[in-house]
Amino acid sequence: MFTNEGRSWGTYKSSSGAKRYISMDYLKK
């Protein structure tokens, strides 16, 4: 579920299996 404001954010799974939120801009760098 993403709002217009939240589309710049994504999720990734850490090695521990916990879900953490990071910005898509960070992934592009």
N, C-alpha and C. Protein backbone atom coordinates (compact mmCIF):
# COMPACT_ATOMS: atom_id res chain seq x y z
N MET A 1 0.83 -1.20 0.00
CA MET A 1 0.00 0.00 0.00
C MET A 1 0.86 1.25 0.00
N PHE A 2 0.79 2.00 -1.05
CA PHE A 2 1.60 3.21 -1.12
C PHE A 2 0.70 4.42 -1.38
N THR A 3 0.94 5.48 -0.67
CA THR A 3 0.25 6.72 -0.98
C THR A 3 1.11 7.48 -1.98
N ASN A 4 0.59 8.56 -2.52
CA ASN A 4 1.37 9.36 -3.47
C ASN A 4 2.66 9.81 -2.80
N GLU A 5 2.55 10.11 -1.52
CA GLU A 5 3.69 10.60 -0.77
C GLU A 5 4.68 9.48 -0.51
N GLY A 6 4.18 8.25 -0.46
CA GLY A 6 5.03 7.14 -0.06
C GLY A 6 5.64 6.39 -1.22
N ARG A 7 5.38 6.81 -2.45
CA ARG A 7 5.89 6.06 -3.60
C ARG A 7 7.40 6.15 -3.71
N SER A 8 7.99 7.14 -3.08
CA SER A 8 9.44 7.29 -3.15
C SER A 8 10.13 6.35 -2.18
N TRP A 9 9.33 5.58 -1.43
CA TRP A 9 9.90 4.67 -0.45
C TRP A 9 9.72 3.22 -0.87
N GLY A 10 10.67 2.39 -0.50
CA GLY A 10 10.57 0.96 -0.80
C GLY A 10 10.93 0.18 0.44
N THR A 11 10.87 -1.14 0.35
CA THR A 11 11.23 -1.96 1.50
C THR A 11 12.30 -2.96 1.09
N TYR A 12 13.12 -3.33 2.01
CA TYR A 12 14.08 -4.39 1.73
C TYR A 12 14.22 -5.25 2.97
N LYS A 13 14.60 -6.48 2.76
CA LYS A 13 14.74 -7.40 3.88
C LYS A 13 16.20 -7.44 4.32
N SER A 14 16.44 -7.18 5.56
CA SER A 14 17.80 -7.26 6.08
C SER A 14 18.20 -8.71 6.27
N SER A 15 19.46 -8.94 6.51
CA SER A 15 19.95 -10.31 6.66
C SER A 15 19.29 -10.99 7.86
N SER A 16 18.82 -10.20 8.79
CA SER A 16 18.16 -10.77 9.97
C SER A 16 16.71 -11.12 9.67
N GLY A 17 16.24 -10.71 8.49
CA GLY A 17 14.88 -11.04 8.10
C GLY A 17 13.89 -9.95 8.46
N ALA A 18 14.38 -8.88 9.08
CA ALA A 18 13.48 -7.79 9.45
C ALA A 18 13.28 -6.86 8.27
N LYS A 19 12.08 -6.35 8.15
CA LYS A 19 11.81 -5.43 7.04
C LYS A 19 12.21 -4.03 7.44
N ARG A 20 13.00 -3.39 6.61
CA ARG A 20 13.40 -2.01 6.89
C ARG A 20 13.00 -1.15 5.71
N TYR A 21 12.72 0.10 5.98
CA TYR A 21 12.27 1.00 4.93
C TYR A 21 13.42 1.90 4.48
N ILE A 22 13.61 1.98 3.17
CA ILE A 22 14.62 2.87 2.62
C ILE A 22 14.03 3.61 1.44
N SER A 23 14.57 4.77 1.15
CA SER A 23 14.05 5.55 0.03
C SER A 23 14.56 4.99 -1.28
N MET A 24 13.77 5.07 -2.32
CA MET A 24 14.16 4.57 -3.63
C MET A 24 15.34 5.37 -4.16
N ASP A 25 15.42 6.63 -3.79
CA ASP A 25 16.52 7.48 -4.24
C ASP A 25 17.84 6.91 -3.75
N TYR A 26 17.82 6.30 -2.57
CA TYR A 26 19.03 5.72 -2.01
C TYR A 26 19.46 4.52 -2.84
N LEU A 27 18.49 3.78 -3.34
CA LEU A 27 18.80 2.60 -4.15
C LEU A 27 19.39 3.00 -5.49
N LYS A 28 18.99 4.16 -5.99
CA LYS A 28 19.46 4.60 -7.30
C LYS A 28 20.89 5.10 -7.26
N LYS A 29 21.36 5.47 -6.08
CA LYS A 29 22.72 6.02 -5.97
C LYS A 29 23.77 4.92 -6.08
